[in-house]
Amino acid sequence: MQTWRLIRDGFNDGFYNMAVDEAIASAVENGISPPTLRFYGWKSSTLTIGYSQKIDKKIDIEYCRKDGIDIVLRPTGGRAVLHDKEVTYSIISPRDNPLFPDNISGTYKAISEALAKGLSFLGIDANLNSAFRIPHSAFQNPFCFAATSQYEIVVNGKKLIGSAQRRFKKSFLQHGSIPLENYYKRLALCLGLKEKDKKERFVKFLKKRAATLNELNGRVFSYNEVVDALVRGFEDIFKIQFKISPLIEYELKLSNKIHKKVLTIMNRKIYGSKESKDK
């Protein structure tokens, strides 16, 4: 039976959340940290974008600035994701871990099975999307939940969990969002859809294709309740045990370094200054 590290973080800013995931990935890559399952929340609304996604006119930077929404670069790829009231998970493991196939699709499938099992403890009948289908309209949409990829979690045909994975030489990082509440109108404004008809079409489109946890069966789930259930799901599917332990010194120092570096880069790209937008 494998023993994994479990980190139950609280609510932090987006730069910290992404920096910690990247720092853990580096530690696992270098063989100084064990496989790690981490859960965290967001202190304030944050729009994360894939590391190769361009910040262009499809994202309304001025609206995000005025509304206090940080724009943060993820260490994984994919489209934009608006994080607010949600539970976010991350998994970092060596690639040669026998619990996972050494390919992206097989790893996605294994992790999704654990997520689905965890949701079942909340009374949610979740399934793995069986086919890789992306509607034509989604190609023009910079938002992650516009498309459902193979093995992602769906409930009644609607996408519930959006995930992204990045594979390194010796390890992989996968993290994903489990939204608790609907935030589509605010997201529309982040993406520059200010005209009423465009905004309404976008919101209608997302309501048709995506779901949030608290709208599924009339219950309101707390952050800790969801985390507890997901931990049980991973224990059940992978037959592992968890040891709750904090970040090691290497991860703390590296995450602080990444935090400062990415904050400076994003402020230059978005606000044209080294200084934080709050200063």
Protein backbone atom coordinates (compact mmCIF):
# COMPACT_ATOMS: atom_id res chain seq x y z
CA MET A 1 0.00 0.00 0.00
CA GLN A 2 1.41 3.36 -1.03
CA THR A 3 1.47 6.28 1.39
CA TRP A 4 0.76 9.65 -0.19
CA ARG A 5 1.13 13.09 1.28
CA LEU A 6 -2.17 14.94 1.77
CA ILE A 7 -2.17 18.74 1.89
CA ARG A 8 -5.41 20.46 2.86
CA ASP A 9 -4.70 24.11 2.16
CA GLY A 10 -7.06 26.92 2.94
CA PHE A 11 -8.00 29.85 0.72
CA ASN A 12 -5.11 31.69 -0.90
CA ASP A 13 -4.48 34.07 -3.76
CA GLY A 14 -4.13 32.64 -7.24
CA PHE A 15 -0.42 33.35 -7.58
CA TYR A 16 0.29 31.37 -4.42
CA ASN A 17 -1.97 28.48 -5.45
CA MET A 18 -0.28 28.03 -8.81
CA ALA A 19 3.23 28.57 -7.43
CA VAL A 20 2.75 25.84 -4.82
CA ASP A 21 1.53 23.32 -7.39
CA GLU A 22 4.57 24.05 -9.54
CA ALA A 23 6.95 23.82 -6.57
CA ILE A 24 5.54 20.44 -5.51
CA ALA A 25 5.90 19.20 -9.09
CA SER A 26 9.57 20.20 -9.03
CA ALA A 27 10.12 18.42 -5.70
CA VAL A 28 8.48 15.21 -6.95
CA GLU A 29 10.42 15.46 -10.22
CA ASN A 30 13.65 15.58 -8.22
CA GLY A 31 12.67 12.69 -5.97
CA ILE A 32 12.54 14.69 -2.73
CA SER A 33 8.76 14.65 -2.17
CA PRO A 34 6.28 11.76 -2.28
CA PRO A 35 3.15 11.55 -4.45
CA THR A 36 0.94 14.39 -3.23
CA LEU A 37 -2.78 15.12 -3.28
CA ARG A 38 -3.53 18.75 -2.48
CA PHE A 39 -6.82 20.60 -2.03
CA TYR A 40 -7.17 24.36 -1.92
CA GLY A 41 -9.56 27.26 -2.38
CA TRP A 42 -9.35 30.84 -3.65
CA LYS A 43 -9.25 33.93 -1.46
CA SER A 44 -10.57 36.06 -4.30
CA SER A 45 -11.82 35.49 -7.84
CA THR A 46 -9.01 34.54 -10.20
CA LEU A 47 -8.84 33.90 -13.92
CA THR A 48 -6.12 31.35 -14.69
CA ILE A 49 -4.87 30.82 -18.22
CA GLY A 50 -2.83 28.00 -19.70
CA TYR A 51 0.91 28.56 -19.84
CA SER A 52 0.83 28.80 -23.64
CA GLN A 53 -2.41 30.82 -23.92
CA LYS A 54 -2.00 34.40 -25.04
CA ILE A 55 -3.48 37.29 -23.09
CA ASP A 56 -5.28 39.05 -25.90
CA LYS A 57 -8.44 41.04 -26.52
CA LYS A 58 -10.58 37.96 -25.81
CA ILE A 59 -9.91 38.65 -22.12
CA ASP A 60 -11.18 41.99 -20.76
CA ILE A 61 -8.18 42.99 -18.69
CA GLU A 62 -9.73 46.30 -17.64
CA TYR A 63 -12.87 44.61 -16.32
CA CYS A 64 -10.78 42.11 -14.36
CA ARG A 65 -8.71 44.92 -12.89
CA LYS A 66 -11.74 46.96 -11.81
CA ASP A 67 -13.53 43.93 -10.39
CA GLY A 68 -10.51 42.72 -8.43
CA ILE A 69 -10.00 39.56 -10.49
CA ASP A 70 -6.38 38.45 -10.74
CA ILE A 71 -5.16 36.96 -14.01
CA VAL A 72 -2.67 34.20 -13.29
CA LEU A 73 -0.60 31.89 -15.47
CA ARG A 74 -1.07 28.17 -14.77
CA PRO A 75 1.82 25.70 -15.00
CA THR A 76 -0.52 23.51 -17.10
CA GLY A 77 -2.04 24.15 -20.51
CA GLY A 78 -5.61 24.67 -21.60
CA ARG A 79 -8.08 27.52 -21.84
CA ALA A 80 -9.11 30.14 -19.28
CA VAL A 81 -10.77 29.09 -16.02
CA LEU A 82 -12.50 31.45 -13.60
CA HIS A 83 -11.97 30.28 -10.03
CA ASP A 84 -14.25 31.50 -7.29
CA LYS A 85 -16.36 29.38 -4.97
CA GLU A 86 -14.95 25.96 -5.72
CA VAL A 87 -12.82 23.09 -4.51
CA THR A 88 -9.58 22.71 -6.44
CA TYR A 89 -7.48 19.56 -6.40
CA SER A 90 -3.97 18.86 -7.59
CA ILE A 91 -2.13 15.56 -7.95
CA ILE A 92 1.60 15.31 -8.41
CA SER A 93 3.18 11.89 -8.84
CA PRO A 94 6.21 10.23 -10.41
CA ARG A 95 5.46 9.00 -13.90
CA ASP A 96 6.69 5.52 -13.05
CA ASN A 97 4.11 5.14 -10.27
CA PRO A 98 2.49 1.73 -10.93
CA LEU A 99 -0.93 3.19 -10.04
CA PHE A 100 -0.92 5.15 -13.32
CA PRO A 101 -0.35 4.26 -16.97
CA ASP A 102 2.55 6.26 -18.39
CA ASN A 103 0.40 8.28 -20.77
CA ILE A 104 -1.86 11.28 -20.41
CA SER A 105 -5.18 9.64 -21.30
CA GLY A 106 -4.68 6.67 -19.00
CA THR A 107 -3.70 8.93 -16.13
CA TYR A 108 -6.73 11.16 -16.74
CA LYS A 109 -8.98 8.11 -16.64
CA ALA A 110 -7.52 6.76 -13.40
CA ILE A 111 -7.81 10.11 -11.63
CA SER A 112 -11.35 10.67 -12.92
CA GLU A 113 -12.41 7.30 -11.55
CA ALA A 114 -11.22 8.40 -8.10
CA LEU A 115 -13.00 11.76 -8.44
CA ALA A 116 -16.23 10.06 -9.51
CA LYS A 117 -16.00 7.67 -6.57
CA GLY A 118 -15.52 10.60 -4.22
CA LEU A 119 -18.56 12.37 -5.62
CA SER A 120 -20.62 9.23 -5.07
CA PHE A 121 -20.11 9.70 -1.32
CA LEU A 122 -21.94 13.02 -1.75
CA GLY A 123 -24.81 11.31 -3.53
CA ILE A 124 -23.67 12.57 -6.95
CA ASP A 125 -23.97 10.09 -9.83
CA ALA A 126 -20.98 11.17 -11.90
CA ASN A 127 -19.61 9.48 -15.01
CA LEU A 128 -16.53 9.65 -17.20
CA ASN A 129 -17.06 11.23 -20.59
CA SER A 130 -16.51 8.34 -22.99
CA ALA A 131 -15.70 10.19 -26.19
CA PHE A 132 -13.45 13.04 -27.21
CA ARG A 133 -15.92 15.53 -28.64
CA ILE A 134 -15.43 19.26 -28.93
CA PRO A 135 -18.24 21.29 -30.54
CA HIS A 136 -17.16 23.60 -33.34
CA SER A 137 -18.20 26.68 -31.32
CA ALA A 138 -15.80 25.72 -28.53
CA PHE A 139 -12.74 26.22 -30.73
CA GLN A 140 -13.46 29.96 -30.76
CA ASN A 141 -14.07 30.08 -27.02
CA PRO A 142 -11.16 30.77 -24.65
CA PHE A 143 -13.02 29.28 -21.68
CA CYS A 144 -12.14 25.77 -20.46
CA PHE A 145 -15.67 24.55 -19.69
CA ALA A 146 -16.79 25.18 -23.27
CA ALA A 147 -15.42 21.75 -24.20
CA THR A 148 -15.53 18.31 -22.58
CA SER A 149 -12.56 16.05 -23.18
CA GLN A 150 -12.35 12.29 -22.92
CA TYR A 151 -12.54 10.92 -19.35
CA GLU A 152 -13.57 14.24 -17.79
CA ILE A 153 -16.33 14.11 -15.16
CA VAL A 154 -19.87 14.69 -16.37
CA VAL A 155 -23.24 14.57 -14.61
CA ASN A 156 -26.37 14.17 -16.73
CA GLY A 157 -24.25 14.96 -19.78
CA LYS A 158 -22.91 18.22 -18.32
CA LYS A 159 -19.27 18.83 -17.48
CA LEU A 160 -18.71 19.14 -13.73
CA ILE A 161 -14.92 19.04 -13.31
CA GLY A 162 -12.43 20.69 -15.62
CA SER A 163 -8.86 19.40 -15.38
CA ALA A 164 -5.49 20.03 -16.97
CA GLN A 165 -2.35 17.93 -16.92
CA ARG A 166 1.31 18.58 -17.65
CA ARG A 167 3.88 15.85 -17.91
CA PHE A 168 7.53 16.35 -17.06
CA LYS A 169 10.49 14.02 -17.61
CA LYS A 170 9.94 12.01 -14.41
CA SER A 171 6.64 13.29 -12.99
CA PHE A 172 3.26 14.73 -13.86
CA LEU A 173 0.98 17.41 -12.45
CA GLN A 174 -2.79 17.38 -12.84
CA HIS A 175 -5.14 19.87 -11.23
CA GLY A 176 -8.78 20.66 -11.69
CA SER A 177 -11.75 22.75 -10.61
CA ILE A 178 -14.95 21.57 -8.95
CA PRO A 179 -17.23 24.65 -8.99
CA LEU A 180 -19.76 24.91 -6.20
CA GLU A 181 -21.76 27.81 -7.65
CA ASN A 182 -22.67 29.33 -11.00
CA TYR A 183 -20.50 32.31 -12.04
CA TYR A 184 -21.23 32.42 -15.78
CA LYS A 185 -22.40 36.04 -15.99
CA ARG A 186 -19.23 37.26 -14.33
CA LEU A 187 -17.15 35.06 -16.59
CA ALA A 188 -18.86 36.53 -19.64
CA LEU A 189 -17.66 39.98 -18.57
CA CYS A 190 -14.13 38.65 -18.03
CA LEU A 191 -14.17 37.52 -21.63
CA GLY A 192 -15.37 40.90 -22.87
CA LEU A 193 -18.98 39.93 -23.63
CA LYS A 194 -20.58 43.20 -22.55
CA GLU A 195 -23.42 43.31 -25.09
CA LYS A 196 -26.58 41.90 -23.54
CA ASP A 197 -27.42 39.44 -26.33
CA LYS A 198 -23.88 38.04 -26.54
CA LYS A 199 -23.68 37.68 -22.78
CA GLU A 200 -27.05 35.93 -22.58
CA ARG A 201 -26.13 33.50 -25.39
CA PHE A 202 -22.86 32.69 -23.65
CA VAL A 203 -24.55 32.06 -20.29
CA LYS A 204 -27.20 29.90 -21.96
CA PHE A 205 -24.48 27.94 -23.76
CA LEU A 206 -22.61 27.22 -20.53
CA LYS A 207 -25.74 26.27 -18.61
CA LYS A 208 -26.42 23.71 -21.33
CA ARG A 209 -22.91 22.22 -21.26
CA ALA A 210 -21.68 22.66 -17.67
CA ALA A 211 -22.91 22.08 -14.12
CA THR A 212 -21.97 23.19 -10.62
CA LEU A 213 -22.03 20.95 -7.57
CA ASN A 214 -24.61 22.83 -5.54
CA GLU A 215 -27.21 22.84 -8.30
CA LEU A 216 -27.27 19.07 -8.83
CA ASN A 217 -29.54 17.76 -6.10
CA GLY A 218 -30.68 20.73 -4.05
CA ARG A 219 -27.96 20.38 -1.41
CA VAL A 220 -25.37 22.99 -0.51
CA PHE A 221 -22.01 21.35 0.06
CA SER A 222 -19.28 22.92 2.16
CA TYR A 223 -15.65 23.03 1.06
CA ASN A 224 -14.56 20.58 3.77
CA GLU A 225 -17.43 18.20 3.04
CA VAL A 226 -16.36 17.92 -0.59
CA VAL A 227 -12.69 17.46 0.30
CA ASP A 228 -13.53 14.70 2.80
CA ALA A 229 -15.52 12.81 0.18
CA LEU A 230 -12.82 13.13 -2.49
CA VAL A 231 -10.12 11.88 -0.13
CA ARG A 232 -12.28 8.80 0.49
CA GLY A 233 -12.63 8.34 -3.27
CA PHE A 234 -8.86 8.29 -3.81
CA GLU A 235 -8.35 5.90 -0.90
CA ASP A 236 -11.02 3.57 -2.26
CA ILE A 237 -9.91 3.49 -5.92
CA PHE A 238 -6.13 3.48 -5.48
CA LYS A 239 -5.98 1.56 -2.17
CA ILE A 240 -3.60 4.11 -0.72
CA GLN A 241 -3.24 5.73 2.67
CA PHE A 242 -2.64 9.41 3.32
CA LYS A 243 -0.33 11.18 5.70
CA ILE A 244 -1.18 14.82 6.32
CA SER A 245 2.04 16.81 6.19
CA PRO A 246 3.08 20.35 5.16
CA LEU A 247 5.31 21.61 2.39
CA ILE A 248 8.99 20.91 2.85
CA GLU A 249 11.57 23.70 2.97
CA TYR A 250 12.53 23.18 -0.69
CA GLU A 251 8.90 23.66 -1.77
CA LEU A 252 8.36 26.70 0.46
CA LYS A 253 11.43 28.49 -0.90
CA LEU A 254 10.72 27.57 -4.51
CA SER A 255 7.03 28.51 -4.34
CA ASN A 256 7.96 31.90 -2.91
CA LYS A 257 10.45 32.42 -5.74
CA ILE A 258 7.90 31.36 -8.39
CA HIS A 259 5.21 33.52 -6.78
CA LYS A 260 7.34 36.66 -7.05
CA LYS A 261 8.54 35.85 -10.56
CA VAL A 262 5.10 35.13 -12.03
CA LEU A 263 3.53 38.12 -10.26
CA THR A 264 6.14 40.39 -11.82
CA ILE A 265 5.70 38.86 -15.29
CA MET A 266 1.91 39.10 -15.19
CA ASN A 267 1.93 42.67 -13.91
CA ARG A 268 4.22 43.65 -16.77
CA LYS A 269 2.02 41.93 -19.34
CA ILE A 270 -1.28 43.14 -17.97
CA TYR A 271 -0.66 46.39 -16.15
CA GLY A 272 2.56 47.56 -17.75
CA SER A 273 4.35 47.79 -14.42
CA LYS A 274 6.56 45.78 -12.09
CA GLU A 275 4.42 46.91 -9.21
CA SER A 276 1.32 45.08 -8.04
CA LYS A 277 -1.96 46.52 -9.20
CA ASP A 278 -2.89 46.94 -5.54
CA LYS A 279 -0.04 49.36 -4.88
